[in-house]
Amino acid sequence: MRRAVVDRRTTETQILVKLGIEGQGTYKVRTGIRFLDHMLELFARHGAFNLVVDARGDLDVDQHHTVEDLGIALGEAVSSALGDRRGINRAGYFVMPMDETLAVAAIDLSGRPHAVVDLKVKVRLVGDLQTELVHDFFEGFAIGARANIHVKVLYGRSSHHHIEAVFKAFARALRVACSKDGQLKKVLPSTKGLL
């Protein structure tokens, strides 16, 4: 199994991430932000990743440092687990219905970080999570994983469903991108010769 452990420590956060790419969707997550815990649990289950997260941040100041640094650490764990990325699909996408909401996620493990996040969320909080920080999570992940990430809600009413559908779609798109392609075997999926 491709695995990684990332222990990211700053003056603002202490984050431990353990990730298994070919997992069974098991998880043990604690961030201090319960709605974010729920999204990471969905990420593990829908991506079939084994995931342990122990994040301690300066939540008395704001959620920003915890959410962004967690995105970076999780992205670094994916990058580390993939190694040189030979033989992977590299790109994946998924369209996820969540009741009245429809979301799409596309990812390219290209070696170039970029994130486009379009949630259409009009409330400040969903559960206890500051919704504007969902963008920071995905941007942090893109930086840590050196990946292009595009997530978009096409339509829907519930802000909870917008965020949940995006996390589910993202997990399933990432699962495809990380999967090994039998035809590529040891080939690096890039004409540049590096990712």
N, C-alpha and C. Protein backbone atom coordinates (compact mmCIF):
# COMPACT_ATOMS: atom_id res chain seq x y z
N MET A 1 0.84 -1.19 0.00
CA MET A 1 0.00 0.00 0.00
C MET A 1 0.88 1.24 0.00
N ARG A 2 0.49 2.23 -0.78
CA ARG A 2 1.20 3.50 -0.78
C ARG A 2 0.73 4.30 0.43
N ARG A 3 1.68 4.65 1.30
CA ARG A 3 1.36 5.32 2.56
C ARG A 3 2.27 6.51 2.78
N ALA A 4 1.82 7.41 3.67
CA ALA A 4 2.66 8.54 4.06
C ALA A 4 2.23 9.03 5.43
N VAL A 5 3.21 9.61 6.11
CA VAL A 5 2.95 10.29 7.38
C VAL A 5 3.54 11.69 7.25
N VAL A 6 2.74 12.69 7.58
CA VAL A 6 3.21 14.08 7.57
C VAL A 6 2.97 14.66 8.96
N ASP A 7 4.01 15.22 9.53
CA ASP A 7 3.91 15.88 10.83
C ASP A 7 4.29 17.33 10.61
N ARG A 8 3.29 18.18 10.48
CA ARG A 8 3.50 19.60 10.18
C ARG A 8 3.33 20.41 11.45
N ARG A 9 4.37 21.13 11.82
CA ARG A 9 4.33 21.93 13.05
C ARG A 9 4.75 23.35 12.75
N THR A 10 3.88 24.29 13.14
CA THR A 10 4.20 25.71 13.04
C THR A 10 3.90 26.33 14.40
N THR A 11 4.10 27.63 14.52
CA THR A 11 3.74 28.30 15.77
C THR A 11 2.22 28.39 15.94
N GLU A 12 1.48 28.11 14.86
CA GLU A 12 0.02 28.22 14.90
C GLU A 12 -0.71 26.89 14.93
N THR A 13 -0.09 25.84 14.38
CA THR A 13 -0.74 24.54 14.30
C THR A 13 0.25 23.40 14.50
N GLN A 14 -0.27 22.29 14.98
CA GLN A 14 0.46 21.02 15.03
C GLN A 14 -0.46 19.99 14.39
N ILE A 15 -0.06 19.47 13.24
CA ILE A 15 -0.94 18.60 12.46
C ILE A 15 -0.21 17.31 12.10
N LEU A 16 -0.82 16.19 12.46
CA LEU A 16 -0.32 14.87 12.09
C LEU A 16 -1.33 14.25 11.13
N VAL A 17 -0.84 13.83 9.97
CA VAL A 17 -1.68 13.15 8.98
C VAL A 17 -1.03 11.82 8.63
N LYS A 18 -1.80 10.75 8.71
CA LYS A 18 -1.37 9.43 8.24
C LYS A 18 -2.36 9.03 7.15
N LEU A 19 -1.83 8.67 5.99
CA LEU A 19 -2.67 8.38 4.83
C LEU A 19 -2.25 7.09 4.16
N GLY A 20 -3.23 6.26 3.84
CA GLY A 20 -3.02 5.08 3.01
C GLY A 20 -3.87 5.21 1.76
N ILE A 21 -3.22 5.21 0.60
CA ILE A 21 -3.94 5.43 -0.66
C ILE A 21 -4.89 4.26 -0.96
N GLU A 22 -4.39 3.04 -0.91
CA GLU A 22 -5.25 1.87 -1.16
C GLU A 22 -5.78 1.38 0.18
N GLY A 23 -6.84 2.00 0.63
CA GLY A 23 -7.38 1.66 1.94
C GLY A 23 -8.78 1.09 1.85
N GLN A 24 -9.45 1.11 2.98
CA GLN A 24 -10.82 0.64 3.07
C GLN A 24 -11.76 1.77 3.50
N GLY A 25 -11.28 3.01 3.48
CA GLY A 25 -12.11 4.13 3.88
C GLY A 25 -12.24 4.28 5.38
N THR A 26 -11.24 3.80 6.12
CA THR A 26 -11.27 3.95 7.58
C THR A 26 -10.71 5.31 7.96
N TYR A 27 -11.15 5.82 9.09
CA TYR A 27 -10.70 7.15 9.49
C TYR A 27 -10.75 7.32 11.00
N LYS A 28 -9.88 8.20 11.46
CA LYS A 28 -9.90 8.70 12.84
C LYS A 28 -9.45 10.15 12.71
N VAL A 29 -10.40 11.07 12.88
CA VAL A 29 -10.15 12.48 12.56
C VAL A 29 -10.53 13.35 13.76
N ARG A 30 -9.62 14.27 14.09
CA ARG A 30 -9.91 15.26 15.12
C ARG A 30 -9.21 16.56 14.76
N THR A 31 -10.03 17.59 14.45
CA THR A 31 -9.47 18.89 14.08
C THR A 31 -9.88 20.01 15.04
N GLY A 32 -10.88 19.74 15.87
CA GLY A 32 -11.44 20.80 16.70
C GLY A 32 -12.56 21.55 16.01
N ILE A 33 -12.81 21.21 14.74
CA ILE A 33 -13.91 21.81 13.96
C ILE A 33 -14.76 20.64 13.48
N ARG A 34 -15.87 20.42 14.12
CA ARG A 34 -16.63 19.18 13.89
C ARG A 34 -17.12 19.03 12.44
N PHE A 35 -17.54 20.11 11.80
CA PHE A 35 -18.00 19.98 10.41
C PHE A 35 -16.83 19.61 9.49
N LEU A 36 -15.66 20.14 9.77
CA LEU A 36 -14.48 19.76 8.98
C LEU A 36 -14.13 18.29 9.23
N ASP A 37 -14.26 17.83 10.47
CA ASP A 37 -14.06 16.40 10.75
C ASP A 37 -14.97 15.57 9.85
N HIS A 38 -16.23 15.97 9.79
CA HIS A 38 -17.22 15.24 8.98
C HIS A 38 -16.81 15.22 7.50
N MET A 39 -16.33 16.34 6.97
CA MET A 39 -15.91 16.39 5.57
C MET A 39 -14.70 15.48 5.32
N LEU A 40 -13.77 15.43 6.26
CA LEU A 40 -12.60 14.56 6.11
C LEU A 40 -12.98 13.09 6.25
N GLU A 41 -13.98 12.80 7.07
CA GLU A 41 -14.50 11.42 7.16
C GLU A 41 -15.12 11.01 5.83
N LEU A 42 -15.89 11.93 5.21
CA LEU A 42 -16.45 11.66 3.89
C LEU A 42 -15.34 11.47 2.85
N PHE A 43 -14.32 12.31 2.93
CA PHE A 43 -13.17 12.21 2.02
C PHE A 43 -12.55 10.81 2.11
N ALA A 44 -12.32 10.33 3.31
CA ALA A 44 -11.71 9.00 3.50
C ALA A 44 -12.63 7.91 2.95
N ARG A 45 -13.90 7.97 3.29
CA ARG A 45 -14.84 6.91 2.89
C ARG A 45 -15.04 6.89 1.38
N HIS A 46 -15.27 8.05 0.77
CA HIS A 46 -15.55 8.10 -0.66
C HIS A 46 -14.29 7.89 -1.51
N GLY A 47 -13.13 8.21 -0.97
CA GLY A 47 -11.89 7.98 -1.69
C GLY A 47 -11.30 6.60 -1.43
N ALA A 48 -11.90 5.86 -0.49
CA ALA A 48 -11.35 4.57 -0.04
C ALA A 48 -9.92 4.74 0.46
N PHE A 49 -9.68 5.86 1.14
CA PHE A 49 -8.37 6.13 1.75
C PHE A 49 -8.45 5.79 3.23
N ASN A 50 -7.38 5.29 3.80
CA ASN A 50 -7.28 5.18 5.25
C ASN A 50 -6.66 6.48 5.73
N LEU A 51 -7.30 7.11 6.72
CA LEU A 51 -6.89 8.46 7.11
C LEU A 51 -6.93 8.63 8.63
N VAL A 52 -5.83 9.13 9.15
CA VAL A 52 -5.75 9.57 10.54
C VAL A 52 -5.34 11.03 10.52
N VAL A 53 -6.10 11.87 11.21
CA VAL A 53 -5.77 13.30 11.32
C VAL A 53 -5.88 13.70 12.79
N ASP A 54 -4.80 14.27 13.30
CA ASP A 54 -4.82 14.88 14.63
C ASP A 54 -4.31 16.30 14.46
N ALA A 55 -5.23 17.25 14.44
CA ALA A 55 -4.88 18.65 14.18
C ALA A 55 -5.20 19.48 15.41
N ARG A 56 -4.21 20.23 15.86
CA ARG A 56 -4.39 21.15 16.98
C ARG A 56 -3.92 22.52 16.50
N GLY A 57 -4.86 23.46 16.51
CA GLY A 57 -4.53 24.78 16.01
C GLY A 57 -5.02 25.87 16.95
N ASP A 58 -4.67 27.09 16.62
CA ASP A 58 -5.04 28.24 17.44
C ASP A 58 -6.48 28.67 17.13
N LEU A 59 -7.42 27.80 17.43
CA LEU A 59 -8.83 28.06 17.14
C LEU A 59 -9.38 29.22 17.97
N ASP A 60 -8.69 29.56 19.05
CA ASP A 60 -9.10 30.72 19.83
C ASP A 60 -8.87 32.01 19.06
N VAL A 61 -7.96 31.97 18.07
CA VAL A 61 -7.71 33.13 17.20
C VAL A 61 -8.69 33.11 16.04
N ASP A 62 -8.73 31.97 15.32
CA ASP A 62 -9.55 31.83 14.12
C ASP A 62 -9.37 30.41 13.61
N GLN A 63 -10.23 29.97 12.71
CA GLN A 63 -10.10 28.63 12.11
C GLN A 63 -9.12 28.59 10.94
N HIS A 64 -8.75 29.75 10.41
CA HIS A 64 -8.00 29.82 9.16
C HIS A 64 -6.72 28.98 9.18
N HIS A 65 -5.88 29.16 10.20
CA HIS A 65 -4.59 28.46 10.23
C HIS A 65 -4.79 26.95 10.23
N THR A 66 -5.75 26.48 11.01
CA THR A 66 -5.99 25.03 11.09
C THR A 66 -6.47 24.48 9.76
N VAL A 67 -7.43 25.14 9.14
CA VAL A 67 -8.01 24.64 7.89
C VAL A 67 -6.99 24.67 6.75
N GLU A 68 -6.30 25.78 6.58
CA GLU A 68 -5.32 25.90 5.50
C GLU A 68 -4.16 24.93 5.70
N ASP A 69 -3.61 24.90 6.91
CA ASP A 69 -2.47 24.01 7.17
C ASP A 69 -2.84 22.55 7.03
N LEU A 70 -4.08 22.21 7.39
CA LEU A 70 -4.53 20.84 7.21
C LEU A 70 -4.60 20.49 5.73
N GLY A 71 -5.08 21.42 4.90
CA GLY A 71 -5.09 21.19 3.45
C GLY A 71 -3.68 20.96 2.92
N ILE A 72 -2.73 21.77 3.38
CA ILE A 72 -1.33 21.61 2.96
C ILE A 72 -0.80 20.25 3.39
N ALA A 73 -1.01 19.89 4.66
CA ALA A 73 -0.49 18.62 5.19
C ALA A 73 -1.10 17.42 4.48
N LEU A 74 -2.40 17.46 4.22
CA LEU A 74 -3.04 16.34 3.51
C LEU A 74 -2.52 16.25 2.08
N GLY A 75 -2.34 17.38 1.42
CA GLY A 75 -1.76 17.38 0.08
C GLY A 75 -0.35 16.83 0.07
N GLU A 76 0.46 17.21 1.07
CA GLU A 76 1.83 16.69 1.18
C GLU A 76 1.81 15.18 1.40
N ALA A 77 0.84 14.69 2.17
CA ALA A 77 0.74 13.25 2.40
C ALA A 77 0.42 12.51 1.10
N VAL A 78 -0.50 13.06 0.31
CA VAL A 78 -0.81 12.44 -0.98
C VAL A 78 0.42 12.42 -1.87
N SER A 79 1.11 13.54 -1.96
CA SER A 79 2.30 13.63 -2.80
C SER A 79 3.37 12.64 -2.35
N SER A 80 3.60 12.57 -1.06
CA SER A 80 4.60 11.64 -0.53
C SER A 80 4.21 10.18 -0.80
N ALA A 81 2.94 9.85 -0.60
CA ALA A 81 2.49 8.48 -0.82
C ALA A 81 2.61 8.06 -2.28
N LEU A 82 2.46 9.02 -3.20
CA LEU A 82 2.54 8.71 -4.63
C LEU A 82 3.97 8.56 -5.13
N GLY A 83 4.94 9.04 -4.36
CA GLY A 83 6.34 8.94 -4.78
C GLY A 83 6.58 9.70 -6.07
N ASP A 84 7.20 9.04 -7.05
CA ASP A 84 7.52 9.73 -8.32
C ASP A 84 6.33 9.79 -9.28
N ARG A 85 5.21 9.23 -8.87
CA ARG A 85 3.95 9.28 -9.61
C ARG A 85 3.94 8.44 -10.89
N ARG A 86 4.92 7.59 -11.06
CA ARG A 86 4.94 6.73 -12.25
C ARG A 86 3.78 5.74 -12.22
N GLY A 87 3.15 5.56 -13.38
CA GLY A 87 2.10 4.57 -13.54
C GLY A 87 0.72 4.98 -13.05
N ILE A 88 0.56 6.22 -12.55
CA ILE A 88 -0.76 6.64 -12.08
C ILE A 88 -1.58 7.25 -13.22
N ASN A 89 -2.87 7.30 -13.04
CA ASN A 89 -3.73 7.95 -14.03
C ASN A 89 -3.40 9.43 -14.16
N ARG A 90 -3.00 10.04 -13.06
CA ARG A 90 -2.63 11.44 -12.95
C ARG A 90 -3.84 12.37 -12.86
N ALA A 91 -4.86 12.17 -13.67
CA ALA A 91 -6.02 13.05 -13.66
C ALA A 91 -7.28 12.24 -13.36
N GLY A 92 -8.24 12.92 -12.77
CA GLY A 92 -9.52 12.28 -12.50
C GLY A 92 -10.59 13.34 -12.31
N TYR A 93 -11.84 12.94 -12.51
CA TYR A 93 -12.94 13.85 -12.28
C TYR A 93 -14.13 13.05 -11.79
N PHE A 94 -15.08 13.74 -11.17
CA PHE A 94 -16.28 13.07 -10.70
C PHE A 94 -17.41 14.09 -10.60
N VAL A 95 -18.61 13.69 -10.97
CA VAL A 95 -19.81 14.51 -10.81
C VAL A 95 -20.63 13.87 -9.70
N MET A 96 -20.91 14.64 -8.64
CA MET A 96 -21.56 14.09 -7.45
C MET A 96 -22.91 14.73 -7.19
N PRO A 97 -23.99 13.94 -7.25
CA PRO A 97 -25.28 14.46 -6.81
C PRO A 97 -25.40 14.31 -5.29
N MET A 98 -25.95 15.32 -4.66
CA MET A 98 -26.22 15.26 -3.22
C MET A 98 -27.61 15.85 -3.03
N ASP A 99 -28.61 14.98 -3.13
CA ASP A 99 -30.01 15.42 -3.09
C ASP A 99 -30.24 16.47 -4.18
N GLU A 100 -30.56 17.72 -3.81
CA GLU A 100 -30.88 18.75 -4.80
C GLU A 100 -29.65 19.44 -5.38
N THR A 101 -28.48 19.07 -4.87
CA THR A 101 -27.23 19.73 -5.26
C THR A 101 -26.45 18.85 -6.23
N LEU A 102 -25.76 19.48 -7.17
CA LEU A 102 -24.87 18.76 -8.08
C LEU A 102 -23.52 19.48 -8.08
N ALA A 103 -22.46 18.71 -7.82
CA ALA A 103 -21.12 19.28 -7.77
C ALA A 103 -20.18 18.46 -8.66
N VAL A 104 -19.15 19.12 -9.14
CA VAL A 104 -18.14 18.46 -9.96
C VAL A 104 -16.76 18.78 -9.39
N ALA A 105 -15.88 17.80 -9.47
CA ALA A 105 -14.48 18.00 -9.07
C ALA A 105 -13.59 17.39 -10.14
N ALA A 106 -12.52 18.09 -10.46
CA ALA A 106 -11.51 17.59 -11.39
C ALA A 106 -10.14 17.86 -10.79
N ILE A 107 -9.25 16.90 -10.92
CA ILE A 107 -7.91 17.05 -10.36
C ILE A 107 -6.88 16.52 -11.34
N ASP A 108 -5.76 17.21 -11.41
CA ASP A 108 -4.62 16.76 -12.20
C ASP A 108 -3.39 16.84 -11.30
N LEU A 109 -2.79 15.70 -11.03
CA LEU A 109 -1.58 15.64 -10.20
C LEU A 109 -0.37 15.98 -11.06
N SER A 110 -0.39 17.19 -11.58
CA SER A 110 0.50 17.65 -12.64
C SER A 110 1.85 18.15 -12.17
N GLY A 111 1.98 18.37 -10.87
CA GLY A 111 3.20 19.00 -10.36
C GLY A 111 3.09 20.51 -10.29
N ARG A 112 1.97 21.06 -10.77
CA ARG A 112 1.75 22.50 -10.78
C ARG A 112 0.54 22.83 -9.92
N PRO A 113 0.73 23.57 -8.83
CA PRO A 113 -0.39 23.85 -7.93
C PRO A 113 -1.28 24.98 -8.42
N HIS A 114 -2.56 24.71 -8.42
CA HIS A 114 -3.56 25.74 -8.70
C HIS A 114 -4.91 25.22 -8.22
N ALA A 115 -5.73 26.11 -7.67
CA ALA A 115 -7.06 25.72 -7.20
C ALA A 115 -8.10 26.73 -7.66
N VAL A 116 -9.20 26.21 -8.17
CA VAL A 116 -10.36 27.02 -8.51
C VAL A 116 -11.53 26.42 -7.73
N VAL A 117 -12.13 27.24 -6.88
CA VAL A 117 -13.21 26.77 -6.01
C VAL A 117 -14.42 27.68 -6.20
N ASP A 118 -15.53 27.09 -6.61
CA ASP A 118 -16.77 27.84 -6.85
C ASP A 118 -17.91 27.12 -6.14
N LEU A 119 -18.20 27.57 -4.91
CA LEU A 119 -19.17 26.85 -4.08
C LEU A 119 -20.59 27.41 -4.11
N LYS A 120 -20.75 28.66 -4.38
CA LYS A 120 -22.06 29.31 -4.36
C LYS A 120 -22.69 29.28 -2.96
N VAL A 121 -21.87 29.24 -1.92
CA VAL A 121 -22.36 29.25 -0.55
C VAL A 121 -22.57 30.70 -0.12
N LYS A 122 -23.76 30.96 0.44
CA LYS A 122 -24.10 32.34 0.79
C LYS A 122 -24.23 32.56 2.29
N VAL A 123 -23.82 31.58 3.08
CA VAL A 123 -23.88 31.72 4.54
C VAL A 123 -22.46 31.74 5.09
N ARG A 124 -22.29 32.34 6.27
CA ARG A 124 -20.97 32.45 6.88
C ARG A 124 -20.50 31.14 7.51
N LEU A 125 -21.44 30.39 8.07
CA LEU A 125 -21.11 29.15 8.75
C LEU A 125 -21.98 28.01 8.24
N VAL A 126 -21.37 26.83 8.12
CA VAL A 126 -22.14 25.59 8.00
C VAL A 126 -21.66 24.74 9.16
N GLY A 127 -22.60 24.41 10.05
CA GLY A 127 -22.19 23.81 11.30
C GLY A 127 -21.29 24.80 12.01
N ASP A 128 -20.10 24.35 12.40
CA ASP A 128 -19.15 25.25 13.06
C ASP A 128 -18.00 25.67 12.14
N LEU A 129 -18.10 25.38 10.84
CA LEU A 129 -17.03 25.71 9.89
C LEU A 129 -17.31 27.04 9.19
N GLN A 130 -16.32 27.92 9.19
CA GLN A 130 -16.40 29.16 8.42
C GLN A 130 -16.31 28.78 6.93
N THR A 131 -17.37 29.02 6.18
CA THR A 131 -17.46 28.51 4.82
C THR A 131 -16.40 29.09 3.88
N GLU A 132 -15.98 30.33 4.11
CA GLU A 132 -14.96 30.91 3.21
C GLU A 132 -13.65 30.13 3.26
N LEU A 133 -13.44 29.34 4.31
CA LEU A 133 -12.19 28.61 4.48
C LEU A 133 -12.13 27.32 3.66
N VAL A 134 -13.25 26.91 3.09
CA VAL A 134 -13.23 25.74 2.21
C VAL A 134 -12.28 26.00 1.04
N HIS A 135 -12.31 27.22 0.52
CA HIS A 135 -11.38 27.59 -0.56
C HIS A 135 -9.93 27.46 -0.08
N ASP A 136 -9.65 27.91 1.13
CA ASP A 136 -8.29 27.84 1.68
C ASP A 136 -7.83 26.39 1.85
N PHE A 137 -8.75 25.50 2.23
CA PHE A 137 -8.40 24.08 2.36
C PHE A 137 -7.95 23.53 1.01
N PHE A 138 -8.75 23.76 -0.03
CA PHE A 138 -8.42 23.21 -1.35
C PHE A 138 -7.18 23.88 -1.94
N GLU A 139 -7.01 25.16 -1.70
CA GLU A 139 -5.80 25.83 -2.16
C GLU A 139 -4.57 25.26 -1.45
N GLY A 140 -4.68 25.04 -0.15
CA GLY A 140 -3.58 24.43 0.60
C GLY A 140 -3.27 23.03 0.09
N PHE A 141 -4.33 22.25 -0.19
CA PHE A 141 -4.13 20.90 -0.73
C PHE A 141 -3.40 20.96 -2.06
N ALA A 142 -3.82 21.88 -2.94
CA ALA A 142 -3.18 22.02 -4.25
C ALA A 142 -1.69 22.31 -4.10
N ILE A 143 -1.35 23.17 -3.15
CA ILE A 143 0.05 23.50 -2.91
C ILE A 143 0.81 22.28 -2.39
N GLY A 144 0.24 21.62 -1.38
CA GLY A 144 0.92 20.46 -0.79
C GLY A 144 1.08 19.30 -1.74
N ALA A 145 0.05 19.05 -2.56
CA ALA A 145 0.08 17.91 -3.49
C ALA A 145 0.69 18.26 -4.84
N ARG A 146 0.95 19.57 -5.07
CA ARG A 146 1.40 20.04 -6.37
C ARG A 146 0.43 19.56 -7.45
N ALA A 147 -0.83 20.02 -7.29
CA ALA A 147 -1.91 19.54 -8.15
C ALA A 147 -2.79 20.69 -8.60
N ASN A 148 -3.43 20.52 -9.75
CA ASN A 148 -4.51 21.40 -10.20
C ASN A 148 -5.81 20.83 -9.64
N ILE A 149 -6.59 21.69 -8.99
CA ILE A 149 -7.85 21.27 -8.43
C ILE A 149 -8.93 22.25 -8.86
N HIS A 150 -10.02 21.70 -9.37
CA HIS A 150 -11.18 22.50 -9.73
C HIS A 150 -12.39 21.84 -9.07
N VAL A 151 -13.08 22.59 -8.23
CA VAL A 151 -14.32 22.10 -7.63
C VAL A 151 -15.39 23.16 -7.84
N LYS A 152 -16.58 22.70 -8.22
CA LYS A 152 -17.65 23.65 -8.55
C LYS A 152 -19.00 23.04 -8.21
N VAL A 153 -19.84 23.85 -7.59
CA VAL A 153 -21.24 23.48 -7.40
C VAL A 153 -22.01 24.02 -8.59
N LEU A 154 -22.69 23.14 -9.30
CA LEU A 154 -23.46 23.55 -10.47
C LEU A 154 -24.79 24.16 -10.05
N TYR A 155 -25.44 23.55 -9.07
CA TYR A 155 -26.67 24.10 -8.53
C TYR A 155 -27.01 23.39 -7.23
N GLY A 156 -27.96 23.95 -6.51
CA GLY A 156 -28.42 23.35 -5.26
C GLY A 156 -28.90 24.42 -4.30
N ARG A 157 -29.64 24.00 -3.29
CA ARG A 157 -30.21 24.93 -2.33
C ARG A 157 -29.43 24.95 -1.01
N SER A 158 -29.09 23.79 -0.49
CA SER A 158 -28.50 23.67 0.84
C SER A 158 -26.99 23.93 0.82
N SER A 159 -26.54 24.87 1.63
CA SER A 159 -25.10 25.14 1.75
C SER A 159 -24.36 23.93 2.31
N HIS A 160 -24.98 23.22 3.22
CA HIS A 160 -24.40 21.97 3.75
C HIS A 160 -24.16 21.00 2.60
N HIS A 161 -25.15 20.83 1.73
CA HIS A 161 -25.01 19.91 0.61
C HIS A 161 -23.97 20.39 -0.40
N HIS A 162 -23.85 21.70 -0.59
CA HIS A 162 -22.83 22.23 -1.51
C HIS A 162 -21.45 21.75 -1.08
N ILE A 163 -21.13 21.96 0.19
CA ILE A 163 -19.79 21.60 0.69
C ILE A 163 -19.62 20.09 0.72
N GLU A 164 -20.63 19.39 1.17
CA GLU A 164 -20.53 17.92 1.25
C GLU A 164 -20.35 17.31 -0.14
N ALA A 165 -21.12 17.77 -1.11
CA ALA A 165 -21.02 17.23 -2.47
C ALA A 165 -19.64 17.49 -3.06
N VAL A 166 -19.07 18.66 -2.78
CA VAL A 166 -17.73 18.99 -3.28
C VAL A 166 -16.68 18.06 -2.67
N PHE A 167 -16.75 17.82 -1.37
CA PHE A 167 -15.77 16.92 -0.73
C PHE A 167 -15.90 15.49 -1.25
N LYS A 168 -17.13 15.02 -1.45
CA LYS A 168 -17.32 13.67 -1.98
C LYS A 168 -16.79 13.57 -3.41
N ALA A 169 -17.12 14.54 -4.23
CA ALA A 169 -16.65 14.53 -5.62
C ALA A 169 -15.13 14.60 -5.67
N PHE A 170 -14.55 15.45 -4.81
CA PHE A 170 -13.10 15.59 -4.76
C PHE A 170 -12.43 14.27 -4.38
N ALA A 171 -12.96 13.59 -3.38
CA ALA A 171 -12.39 12.32 -2.94
C ALA A 171 -12.41 11.29 -4.07
N ARG A 172 -13.53 11.22 -4.77
CA ARG A 172 -13.65 10.22 -5.84
C ARG A 172 -12.78 10.58 -7.05
N ALA A 173 -12.66 11.87 -7.34
CA ALA A 173 -11.77 12.30 -8.43
C ALA A 173 -10.31 11.99 -8.07
N LEU A 174 -9.94 12.24 -6.82
CA LEU A 174 -8.57 11.96 -6.38
C LEU A 174 -8.28 10.47 -6.41
N ARG A 175 -9.26 9.66 -6.03
CA ARG A 175 -9.08 8.21 -6.07
C ARG A 175 -8.72 7.75 -7.49
N VAL A 176 -9.41 8.30 -8.48
CA VAL A 176 -9.12 7.95 -9.88
C VAL A 176 -7.73 8.44 -10.28
N ALA A 177 -7.40 9.69 -9.92
CA ALA A 177 -6.10 10.26 -10.30
C ALA A 177 -4.94 9.48 -9.69
N CYS A 178 -5.11 8.99 -8.46
CA CYS A 178 -4.05 8.24 -7.77
C CYS A 178 -3.94 6.79 -8.23
N SER A 179 -5.00 6.27 -8.84
CA SER A 179 -5.03 4.86 -9.23
C SER A 179 -3.97 4.56 -10.27
N LYS A 180 -3.48 3.33 -10.21
CA LYS A 180 -2.48 2.90 -11.18
C LYS A 180 -3.16 2.48 -12.47
N ASP A 181 -2.57 2.85 -13.57
CA ASP A 181 -3.06 2.50 -14.90
C ASP A 181 -2.21 1.35 -15.42
N GLY A 182 -2.84 0.20 -15.64
CA GLY A 182 -2.11 -1.00 -16.08
C GLY A 182 -1.33 -0.80 -17.37
N GLN A 183 -1.82 0.06 -18.25
CA GLN A 183 -1.12 0.29 -19.51
C GLN A 183 0.12 1.17 -19.31
N LEU A 184 0.04 2.07 -18.33
CA LEU A 184 1.18 2.97 -18.09
C LEU A 184 2.30 2.28 -17.31
N LYS A 185 1.93 1.34 -16.44
CA LYS A 185 2.86 0.62 -15.58
C LYS A 185 3.88 1.55 -14.95
N LYS A 186 5.07 1.62 -15.46
CA LYS A 186 6.14 2.44 -14.86
C LYS A 186 6.36 3.75 -15.60
N VAL A 187 5.42 4.09 -16.49
CA VAL A 187 5.56 5.29 -17.31
C VAL A 187 5.16 6.51 -16.48
N LEU A 188 5.94 7.59 -16.63
CA LEU A 188 5.58 8.85 -16.02
C LEU A 188 4.57 9.53 -16.95
N PRO A 189 3.35 9.81 -16.45
CA PRO A 189 2.33 10.36 -17.35
C PRO A 189 2.55 11.84 -17.68
N SER A 190 3.65 12.13 -18.36
CA SER A 190 3.97 13.50 -18.73
C SER A 190 4.95 13.51 -19.89
N THR A 191 4.69 14.32 -20.90
CA THR A 191 5.66 14.45 -22.01
C THR A 191 6.83 15.33 -21.61
N LYS A 192 6.70 16.06 -20.49
CA LYS A 192 7.82 16.89 -20.01
C LYS A 192 8.91 16.04 -19.36
N GLY A 193 8.54 14.83 -18.91
CA GLY A 193 9.50 13.97 -18.25
C GLY A 193 9.58 14.18 -16.75
N LEU A 194 8.69 15.00 -16.22
CA LEU A 194 8.62 15.19 -14.77
C LEU A 194 7.25 15.67 -14.39
N LEU A 195 6.91 15.42 -13.12
CA LEU A 195 5.64 15.91 -12.57
C LEU A 195 5.92 16.69 -11.31
